[in-house]
């Protein structure tokens, strides 16, 4: 971990693990992935038309992807903490 990455991680650590997991995992990764996935499926099935039932797919995506984002955020936190501790030694 270089000095810049270390300083950035130290700033994130101050806000805490829960904040990081919710912000980075659930909100940033989970919601953005849900939006992109829903749009992608809609375009595959309907092309550029506005027809089709997108609601059921969107509801499912907006439930499952944030859950996945929670676990992704936990993994990233653990991975970054490991790198941070190793660079401290």
PDB file of N, CA and C in Angstrom:
ATOM      1  N   UNK A   1       0.858  -1.175   0.000  1.00  0.00           N
ATOM      2  CA  UNK A   1       0.000   0.000   0.000  1.00  0.00           C
ATOM      3  C   UNK A   1       0.904   1.238   0.000  1.00  0.00           C
ATOM      4  N   UNK A   2       0.731   2.120  -0.993  1.00  0.00           N
ATOM      5  CA  UNK A   2       1.559   3.325  -1.058  1.00  0.00           C
ATOM      6  C   UNK A   2       1.036   4.384  -0.083  1.00  0.00           C
ATOM      7  N   UNK A   3       1.779   5.466   0.067  1.00  0.00           N
ATOM      8  CA  UNK A   3       1.427   6.492   1.048  1.00  0.00           C
ATOM      9  C   UNK A   3       0.074   7.137   0.762  1.00  0.00           C
ATOM     10  N   UNK A   4      -0.207   7.383  -0.497  1.00  0.00           N
ATOM     11  CA  UNK A   4      -1.498   8.001  -0.858  1.00  0.00           C
ATOM     12  C   UNK A   4      -2.668   7.085  -0.495  1.00  0.00           C
ATOM     13  N   UNK A   5      -2.548   5.814  -0.867  1.00  0.00           N
ATOM     14  CA  UNK A   5      -3.605   4.847  -0.552  1.00  0.00           C
ATOM     15  C   UNK A   5      -3.776   4.707   0.958  1.00  0.00           C
ATOM     16  N   UNK A   6      -2.667   4.721   1.645  1.00  0.00           N
ATOM     17  CA  UNK A   6      -2.698   4.601   3.103  1.00  0.00           C
ATOM     18  C   UNK A   6      -3.451   5.779   3.735  1.00  0.00           C
ATOM     19  N   UNK A   7      -3.155   6.995   3.285  1.00  0.00           N
ATOM     20  CA  UNK A   7      -3.837   8.183   3.823  1.00  0.00           C
ATOM     21  C   UNK A   7      -5.338   8.139   3.516  1.00  0.00           C
ATOM     22  N   UNK A   8      -5.688   7.731   2.300  1.00  0.00           N
ATOM     23  CA  UNK A   8      -7.104   7.636   1.930  1.00  0.00           C
ATOM     24  C   UNK A   8      -7.825   6.592   2.779  1.00  0.00           C
ATOM     25  N   UNK A   9      -7.156   5.462   3.013  1.00  0.00           N
ATOM     26  CA  UNK A   9      -7.784   4.424   3.815  1.00  0.00           C
ATOM     27  C   UNK A   9      -7.930   4.871   5.271  1.00  0.00           C
ATOM     28  N   UNK A  10      -6.950   5.601   5.777  1.00  0.00           N
ATOM     29  CA  UNK A  10      -7.040   6.105   7.148  1.00  0.00           C
ATOM     30  C   UNK A  10      -8.233   7.038   7.312  1.00  0.00           C
ATOM     31  N   UNK A  11      -8.537   7.840   6.303  1.00  0.00           N
ATOM     32  CA  UNK A  11      -9.718   8.716   6.345  1.00  0.00           C
ATOM     33  C   UNK A  11     -10.999   7.887   6.379  1.00  0.00           C
ATOM     34  N   UNK A  12     -11.041   6.826   5.562  1.00  0.00           N
ATOM     35  CA  UNK A  12     -12.228   5.966   5.539  1.00  0.00           C
ATOM     36  C   UNK A  12     -12.388   5.198   6.846  1.00  0.00           C
ATOM     37  N   UNK A  13     -11.289   4.793   7.439  1.00  0.00           N
ATOM     38  CA  UNK A  13     -11.332   4.040   8.692  1.00  0.00           C
ATOM     39  C   UNK A  13     -11.953   4.857   9.820  1.00  0.00           C
ATOM     40  N   UNK A  14     -11.723   6.175   9.800  1.00  0.00           N
ATOM     41  CA  UNK A  14     -12.264   7.052  10.845  1.00  0.00           C
ATOM     42  C   UNK A  14     -13.789   6.996  10.854  1.00  0.00           C
ATOM     43  N   UNK A  15     -14.388   6.914   9.678  1.00  0.00           N
ATOM     44  CA  UNK A  15     -15.853   6.861   9.588  1.00  0.00           C
ATOM     45  C   UNK A  15     -16.408   5.517  10.043  1.00  0.00           C
ATOM     46  N   UNK A  16     -15.592   4.478  10.021  1.00  0.00           N
ATOM     47  CA  UNK A  16     -15.996   3.183  10.552  1.00  0.00           C
ATOM     48  C   UNK A  16     -16.416   2.174   9.500  1.00  0.00           C
ATOM     49  N   UNK A  17     -16.409   0.944   9.935  1.00  0.00           N
ATOM     50  CA  UNK A  17     -16.725  -0.189   9.063  1.00  0.00           C
ATOM     51  C   UNK A  17     -18.168  -0.134   8.562  1.00  0.00           C
ATOM     52  N   UNK A  18     -19.112   0.123   9.460  1.00  0.00           N
ATOM     53  CA  UNK A  18     -20.526   0.147   9.062  1.00  0.00           C
ATOM     54  C   UNK A  18     -20.785   1.212   8.010  1.00  0.00           C
ATOM     55  N   UNK A  19     -20.234   2.383   8.220  1.00  0.00           N
ATOM     56  CA  UNK A  19     -20.412   3.472   7.261  1.00  0.00           C
ATOM     57  C   UNK A  19     -19.832   3.081   5.901  1.00  0.00           C
ATOM     58  N   UNK A  20     -18.654   2.495   5.906  1.00  0.00           N
ATOM     59  CA  UNK A  20     -18.021   2.079   4.651  1.00  0.00           C
ATOM     60  C   UNK A  20     -18.862   1.033   3.929  1.00  0.00           C
ATOM     61  N   UNK A  21     -19.333   0.036   4.668  1.00  0.00           N
ATOM     62  CA  UNK A  21     -20.107  -1.047   4.054  1.00  0.00           C
ATOM     63  C   UNK A  21     -21.406  -0.513   3.456  1.00  0.00           C
ATOM     64  N   UNK A  22     -22.083   0.364   4.193  1.00  0.00           N
ATOM     65  CA  UNK A  22     -23.345   0.916   3.690  1.00  0.00           C
ATOM     66  C   UNK A  22     -23.092   1.831   2.486  1.00  0.00           C
ATOM     67  N   UNK A  23     -22.133   2.746   2.620  1.00  0.00           N
ATOM     68  CA  UNK A  23     -21.860   3.698   1.546  1.00  0.00           C
ATOM     69  C   UNK A  23     -21.293   3.028   0.294  1.00  0.00           C
ATOM     70  N   UNK A  24     -20.210   2.289   0.471  1.00  0.00           N
ATOM     71  CA  UNK A  24     -19.515   1.711  -0.684  1.00  0.00           C
ATOM     72  C   UNK A  24     -20.185   0.451  -1.208  1.00  0.00           C
ATOM     73  N   UNK A  25     -20.625  -0.403  -0.305  1.00  0.00           N
ATOM     74  CA  UNK A  25     -21.201  -1.673  -0.723  1.00  0.00           C
ATOM     75  C   UNK A  25     -22.652  -1.579  -1.138  1.00  0.00           C
ATOM     76  N   UNK A  26     -23.491  -1.145  -0.188  1.00  0.00           N
ATOM     77  CA  UNK A  26     -24.935  -1.148  -0.437  1.00  0.00           C
ATOM     78  C   UNK A  26     -25.351  -0.034  -1.399  1.00  0.00           C
ATOM     79  N   UNK A  27     -24.960   1.197  -1.080  1.00  0.00           N
ATOM     80  CA  UNK A  27     -25.441   2.323  -1.886  1.00  0.00           C
ATOM     81  C   UNK A  27     -24.714   2.465  -3.217  1.00  0.00           C
ATOM     82  N   UNK A  28     -23.391   2.509  -3.177  1.00  0.00           N
ATOM     83  CA  UNK A  28     -22.663   2.731  -4.435  1.00  0.00           C
ATOM     84  C   UNK A  28     -22.699   1.501  -5.332  1.00  0.00           C
ATOM     85  N   UNK A  29     -22.248   0.368  -4.824  1.00  0.00           N
ATOM     86  CA  UNK A  29     -22.182  -0.820  -5.667  1.00  0.00           C
ATOM     87  C   UNK A  29     -23.567  -1.423  -5.871  1.00  0.00           C
ATOM     88  N   UNK A  30     -24.299  -1.644  -4.784  1.00  0.00           N
ATOM     89  CA  UNK A  30     -25.582  -2.338  -4.876  1.00  0.00           C
ATOM     90  C   UNK A  30     -26.609  -1.612  -5.713  1.00  0.00           C
ATOM     91  N   UNK A  31     -26.809  -0.327  -5.433  1.00  0.00           N
ATOM     92  CA  UNK A  31     -27.833   0.416  -6.172  1.00  0.00           C
ATOM     93  C   UNK A  31     -27.425   0.703  -7.616  1.00  0.00           C
ATOM     94  N   UNK A  32     -26.164   1.053  -7.818  1.00  0.00           N
ATOM     95  CA  UNK A  32     -25.753   1.320  -9.203  1.00  0.00           C
ATOM     96  C   UNK A  32     -25.814   0.054 -10.052  1.00  0.00           C
ATOM     97  N   UNK A  33     -25.444  -1.074  -9.476  1.00  0.00           N
ATOM     98  CA  UNK A  33     -25.522  -2.336 -10.203  1.00  0.00           C
ATOM     99  C   UNK A  33     -26.975  -2.718 -10.475  1.00  0.00           C
ATOM    100  N   UNK A  34     -27.857  -2.461  -9.521  1.00  0.00           N
ATOM    101  CA  UNK A  34     -29.281  -2.751  -9.719  1.00  0.00           C
ATOM    102  C   UNK A  34     -29.849  -1.924 -10.870  1.00  0.00           C
ATOM    103  N   UNK A  35     -29.479  -0.661 -10.926  1.00  0.00           N
ATOM    104  CA  UNK A  35     -29.945   0.212 -12.015  1.00  0.00           C
ATOM    105  C   UNK A  35     -29.433  -0.292 -13.362  1.00  0.00           C
ATOM    106  N   UNK A  36     -28.129  -0.546 -13.437  1.00  0.00           N
ATOM    107  CA  UNK A  36     -27.543  -1.007 -14.701  1.00  0.00           C
ATOM    108  C   UNK A  36     -28.112  -2.357 -15.130  1.00  0.00           C
ATOM    109  N   UNK A  37     -28.277  -3.272 -14.194  1.00  0.00           N
ATOM    110  CA  UNK A  37     -28.824  -4.597 -14.493  1.00  0.00           C
ATOM    111  C   UNK A  37     -30.256  -4.485 -15.021  1.00  0.00           C
ATOM    112  N   UNK A  38     -31.067  -3.679 -14.359  1.00  0.00           N
ATOM    113  CA  UNK A  38     -32.456  -3.514 -14.774  1.00  0.00           C
ATOM    114  C   UNK A  38     -32.537  -2.910 -16.171  1.00  0.00           C
ATOM    115  N   UNK A  39     -31.735  -1.888 -16.430  1.00  0.00           N
ATOM    116  CA  UNK A  39     -31.728  -1.285 -17.758  1.00  0.00           C
ATOM    117  C   UNK A  39     -31.231  -2.263 -18.817  1.00  0.00           C
ATOM    118  N   UNK A  40     -30.199  -3.012 -18.483  1.00  0.00           N
ATOM    119  CA  UNK A  40     -29.654  -4.001 -19.413  1.00  0.00           C
ATOM    120  C   UNK A  40     -30.711  -5.047 -19.780  1.00  0.00           C
ATOM    121  N   UNK A  41     -31.398  -5.600 -18.778  1.00  0.00           N
ATOM    122  CA  UNK A  41     -32.441  -6.591 -19.070  1.00  0.00           C
ATOM    123  C   UNK A  41     -33.563  -5.985 -19.897  1.00  0.00           C
ATOM    124  N   UNK A  42     -33.935  -4.776 -19.563  1.00  0.00           N
ATOM    125  CA  UNK A  42     -35.006  -4.117 -20.306  1.00  0.00           C
ATOM    126  C   UNK A  42     -34.609  -3.921 -21.773  1.00  0.00           C
ATOM    127  N   UNK A  43     -33.381  -3.494 -21.991  1.00  0.00           N
ATOM    128  CA  UNK A  43     -32.921  -3.296 -23.377  1.00  0.00           C
ATOM    129  C   UNK A  43     -32.814  -4.611 -24.133  1.00  0.00           C
ATOM    130  N   UNK A  44     -32.403  -5.674 -23.455  1.00  0.00           N
ATOM    131  CA  UNK A  44     -32.323  -6.986 -24.116  1.00  0.00           C
ATOM    132  C   UNK A  44     -33.692  -7.470 -24.572  1.00  0.00           C
ATOM    133  N   UNK A  45     -34.685  -7.251 -23.721  1.00  0.00           N
ATOM    134  CA  UNK A  45     -36.017  -7.765 -24.027  1.00  0.00           C
ATOM    135  C   UNK A  45     -36.833  -6.847 -24.936  1.00  0.00           C
ATOM    136  N   UNK A  46     -36.649  -5.544 -24.798  1.00  0.00           N
ATOM    137  CA  UNK A  46     -37.531  -4.593 -25.482  1.00  0.00           C
ATOM    138  C   UNK A  46     -36.820  -3.634 -26.419  1.00  0.00           C
ATOM    139  N   UNK A  47     -35.528  -3.701 -26.486  1.00  0.00           N
ATOM    140  CA  UNK A  47     -34.799  -2.729 -27.292  1.00  0.00           C
ATOM    141  C   UNK A  47     -34.925  -1.347 -26.685  1.00  0.00           C
ATOM    142  N   UNK A  48     -35.010  -0.343 -27.515  1.00  0.00           N
ATOM    143  CA  UNK A  48     -35.080   1.035 -27.030  1.00  0.00           C
ATOM    144  C   UNK A  48     -36.506   1.514 -26.825  1.00  0.00           C
ATOM    145  N   UNK A  49     -37.484   0.611 -26.880  1.00  0.00           N
ATOM    146  CA  UNK A  49     -38.867   1.019 -26.650  1.00  0.00           C
ATOM    147  C   UNK A  49     -39.141   1.097 -25.153  1.00  0.00           C
ATOM    148  N   UNK A  50     -40.182   1.820 -24.796  1.00  0.00           N
ATOM    149  CA  UNK A  50     -40.535   1.963 -23.391  1.00  0.00           C
ATOM    150  C   UNK A  50     -41.575   0.950 -22.956  1.00  0.00           C
ATOM    151  N   UNK A  51     -41.887  -0.007 -23.797  1.00  0.00           N
ATOM    152  CA  UNK A  51     -42.886  -1.014 -23.440  1.00  0.00           C
ATOM    153  C   UNK A  51     -42.247  -2.109 -22.603  1.00  0.00           C
ATOM    154  N   UNK A  52     -43.074  -2.938 -22.035  1.00  0.00           N
ATOM    155  CA  UNK A  52     -42.581  -4.065 -21.256  1.00  0.00           C
ATOM    156  C   UNK A  52     -42.745  -3.825 -19.767  1.00  0.00           C
ATOM    157  N   UNK A  53     -42.734  -4.913 -19.007  1.00  0.00           N
ATOM    158  CA  UNK A  53     -42.886  -4.828 -17.558  1.00  0.00           C
ATOM    159  C   UNK A  53     -41.509  -4.859 -16.901  1.00  0.00           C
ATOM    160  N   UNK A  54     -41.068  -3.711 -16.521  1.00  0.00           N
ATOM    161  CA  UNK A  54     -39.749  -3.596 -15.914  1.00  0.00           C
ATOM    162  C   UNK A  54     -39.842  -3.602 -14.378  1.00  0.00           C
ATOM    163  N   UNK A  55     -41.028  -3.390 -13.844  1.00  0.00           N
ATOM    164  CA  UNK A  55     -41.209  -3.220 -12.398  1.00  0.00           C
ATOM    165  C   UNK A  55     -40.779  -4.455 -11.606  1.00  0.00           C
ATOM    166  N   UNK A  56     -41.215  -5.630 -11.989  1.00  0.00           N
ATOM    167  CA  UNK A  56     -40.875  -6.830 -11.222  1.00  0.00           C
ATOM    168  C   UNK A  56     -39.372  -7.101 -11.234  1.00  0.00           C
ATOM    169  N   UNK A  57     -38.742  -6.865 -12.363  1.00  0.00           N
ATOM    170  CA  UNK A  57     -37.288  -7.046 -12.448  1.00  0.00           C
ATOM    171  C   UNK A  57     -36.564  -6.018 -11.589  1.00  0.00           C
ATOM    172  N   UNK A  58     -37.040  -4.797 -11.616  1.00  0.00           N
ATOM    173  CA  UNK A  58     -36.415  -3.725 -10.838  1.00  0.00           C
ATOM    174  C   UNK A  58     -36.538  -3.992  -9.342  1.00  0.00           C
ATOM    175  N   UNK A  59     -37.712  -4.413  -8.905  1.00  0.00           N
ATOM    176  CA  UNK A  59     -37.910  -4.698  -7.475  1.00  0.00           C
ATOM    177  C   UNK A  59     -36.948  -5.782  -7.013  1.00  0.00           C
ATOM    178  N   UNK A  60     -36.850  -6.839  -7.757  1.00  0.00           N
ATOM    179  CA  UNK A  60     -35.942  -7.924  -7.405  1.00  0.00           C
ATOM    180  C   UNK A  60     -34.484  -7.449  -7.404  1.00  0.00           C
ATOM    181  N   UNK A  61     -34.105  -6.698  -8.426  1.00  0.00           N
ATOM    182  CA  UNK A  61     -32.726  -6.190  -8.517  1.00  0.00           C
ATOM    183  C   UNK A  61     -32.414  -5.246  -7.363  1.00  0.00           C
ATOM    184  N   UNK A  62     -33.367  -4.393  -6.992  1.00  0.00           N
ATOM    185  CA  UNK A  62     -33.139  -3.427  -5.914  1.00  0.00           C
ATOM    186  C   UNK A  62     -33.195  -4.074  -4.532  1.00  0.00           C
ATOM    187  N   UNK A  63     -33.550  -5.320  -4.457  1.00  0.00           N
ATOM    188  CA  UNK A  63     -33.448  -6.076  -3.196  1.00  0.00           C
ATOM    189  C   UNK A  63     -32.157  -6.884  -3.175  1.00  0.00           C
ATOM    190  N   UNK A  64     -31.913  -7.634  -4.232  1.00  0.00           N
ATOM    191  CA  UNK A  64     -30.778  -8.561  -4.237  1.00  0.00           C
ATOM    192  C   UNK A  64     -29.406  -7.891  -4.378  1.00  0.00           C
ATOM    193  N   UNK A  65     -29.282  -6.912  -5.250  1.00  0.00           N
ATOM    194  CA  UNK A  65     -27.971  -6.295  -5.442  1.00  0.00           C
ATOM    195  C   UNK A  65     -27.472  -5.529  -4.217  1.00  0.00           C
ATOM    196  N   UNK A  66     -28.316  -4.788  -3.500  1.00  0.00           N
ATOM    197  CA  UNK A  66     -27.816  -4.177  -2.268  1.00  0.00           C
ATOM    198  C   UNK A  66     -27.412  -5.204  -1.206  1.00  0.00           C
ATOM    199  N   UNK A  67     -28.101  -6.338  -1.160  1.00  0.00           N
ATOM    200  CA  UNK A  67     -27.685  -7.406  -0.234  1.00  0.00           C
ATOM    201  C   UNK A  67     -26.301  -7.912  -0.632  1.00  0.00           C
ATOM    202  N   UNK A  68     -26.113  -8.151  -1.923  1.00  0.00           N
ATOM    203  CA  UNK A  68     -24.791  -8.542  -2.408  1.00  0.00           C
ATOM    204  C   UNK A  68     -23.758  -7.461  -2.142  1.00  0.00           C
ATOM    205  N   UNK A  69     -24.155  -6.196  -2.275  1.00  0.00           N
ATOM    206  CA  UNK A  69     -23.263  -5.077  -2.001  1.00  0.00           C
ATOM    207  C   UNK A  69     -22.821  -5.021  -0.558  1.00  0.00           C
ATOM    208  N   UNK A  70     -23.701  -5.436   0.349  1.00  0.00           N
ATOM    209  CA  UNK A  70     -23.338  -5.494   1.768  1.00  0.00           C
ATOM    210  C   UNK A  70     -22.170  -6.459   1.971  1.00  0.00           C
ATOM    211  N   UNK A  71     -22.285  -7.634   1.397  1.00  0.00           N
ATOM    212  CA  UNK A  71     -21.218  -8.634   1.542  1.00  0.00           C
ATOM    213  C   UNK A  71     -19.957  -8.221   0.779  1.00  0.00           C
ATOM    214  N   UNK A  72     -20.119  -7.563  -0.359  1.00  0.00           N
ATOM    215  CA  UNK A  72     -18.980  -7.047  -1.100  1.00  0.00           C
ATOM    216  C   UNK A  72     -18.249  -5.993  -0.263  1.00  0.00           C
ATOM    217  N   UNK A  73     -19.016  -5.098   0.370  1.00  0.00           N
ATOM    218  CA  UNK A  73     -18.431  -4.072   1.227  1.00  0.00           C
ATOM    219  C   UNK A  73     -17.665  -4.667   2.397  1.00  0.00           C
ATOM    220  N   UNK A  74     -18.209  -5.717   3.002  1.00  0.00           N
ATOM    221  CA  UNK A  74     -17.499  -6.401   4.090  1.00  0.00           C
ATOM    222  C   UNK A  74     -16.189  -6.995   3.607  1.00  0.00           C
ATOM    223  N   UNK A  75     -16.222  -7.607   2.427  1.00  0.00           N
ATOM    224  CA  UNK A  75     -15.007  -8.213   1.882  1.00  0.00           C
ATOM    225  C   UNK A  75     -13.955  -7.152   1.580  1.00  0.00           C
ATOM    226  N   UNK A  76     -14.368  -6.047   0.958  1.00  0.00           N
ATOM    227  CA  UNK A  76     -13.424  -4.982   0.623  1.00  0.00           C
ATOM    228  C   UNK A  76     -12.826  -4.388   1.904  1.00  0.00           C
ATOM    229  N   UNK A  77     -13.652  -4.187   2.914  1.00  0.00           N
ATOM    230  CA  UNK A  77     -13.152  -3.662   4.189  1.00  0.00           C
ATOM    231  C   UNK A  77     -12.072  -4.589   4.758  1.00  0.00           C
ATOM    232  N   UNK A  78     -12.359  -5.873   4.801  1.00  0.00           N
ATOM    233  CA  UNK A  78     -11.397  -6.845   5.338  1.00  0.00           C
ATOM    234  C   UNK A  78     -10.112  -6.867   4.515  1.00  0.00           C
ATOM    235  N   UNK A  79     -10.247  -6.832   3.210  1.00  0.00           N
ATOM    236  CA  UNK A  79      -9.098  -6.853   2.314  1.00  0.00           C
ATOM    237  C   UNK A  79      -8.226  -5.613   2.513  1.00  0.00           C
ATOM    238  N   UNK A  80      -8.874  -4.444   2.580  1.00  0.00           N
ATOM    239  CA  UNK A  80      -8.140  -3.196   2.775  1.00  0.00           C
ATOM    240  C   UNK A  80      -7.481  -3.145   4.157  1.00  0.00           C
ATOM    241  N   UNK A  81      -8.167  -3.642   5.165  1.00  0.00           N
ATOM    242  CA  UNK A  81      -7.590  -3.676   6.509  1.00  0.00           C
ATOM    243  C   UNK A  81      -6.353  -4.574   6.548  1.00  0.00           C
ATOM    244  N   UNK A  82      -6.416  -5.685   5.857  1.00  0.00           N
ATOM    245  CA  UNK A  82      -5.270  -6.588   5.794  1.00  0.00           C
ATOM    246  C   UNK A  82      -4.080  -5.894   5.130  1.00  0.00           C
ATOM    247  N   UNK A  83      -4.349  -5.223   3.999  1.00  0.00           N
ATOM    248  CA  UNK A  83      -3.270  -4.492   3.317  1.00  0.00           C
ATOM    249  C   UNK A  83      -2.737  -3.369   4.201  1.00  0.00           C
ATOM    250  N   UNK A  84      -3.608  -2.681   4.923  1.00  0.00           N
ATOM    251  CA  UNK A  84      -3.209  -1.591   5.796  1.00  0.00           C
ATOM    252  C   UNK A  84      -2.313  -2.102   6.929  1.00  0.00           C
ATOM    253  N   UNK A  85      -2.721  -3.190   7.554  1.00  0.00           N
ATOM    254  CA  UNK A  85      -1.917  -3.772   8.642  1.00  0.00           C
ATOM    255  C   UNK A  85      -0.569  -4.250   8.139  1.00  0.00           C
ATOM    256  N   UNK A  86      -0.546  -4.857   6.958  1.00  0.00           N
ATOM    257  CA  UNK A  86       0.721  -5.331   6.396  1.00  0.00           C
ATOM    258  C   UNK A  86       1.662  -4.181   6.078  1.00  0.00           C
ATOM    259  N   UNK A  87       1.119  -3.058   5.650  1.00  0.00           N
ATOM    260  CA  UNK A  87       1.976  -1.912   5.332  1.00  0.00           C
ATOM    261  C   UNK A  87       2.473  -1.213   6.587  1.00  0.00           C
ATOM    262  N   UNK A  88       1.807  -1.480   7.729  1.00  0.00           N
ATOM    263  CA  UNK A  88       2.221  -0.876   8.996  1.00  0.00           C
ATOM    264  C   UNK A  88       3.405  -1.594   9.613  1.00  0.00           C
ATOM    265  N   UNK A  89       3.612  -2.823   9.226  1.00  0.00           N
ATOM    266  CA  UNK A  89       4.675  -3.643   9.828  1.00  0.00           C
ATOM    267  C   UNK A  89       6.039  -3.292   9.302  1.00  0.00           C
TER     268      UNK A  89
END
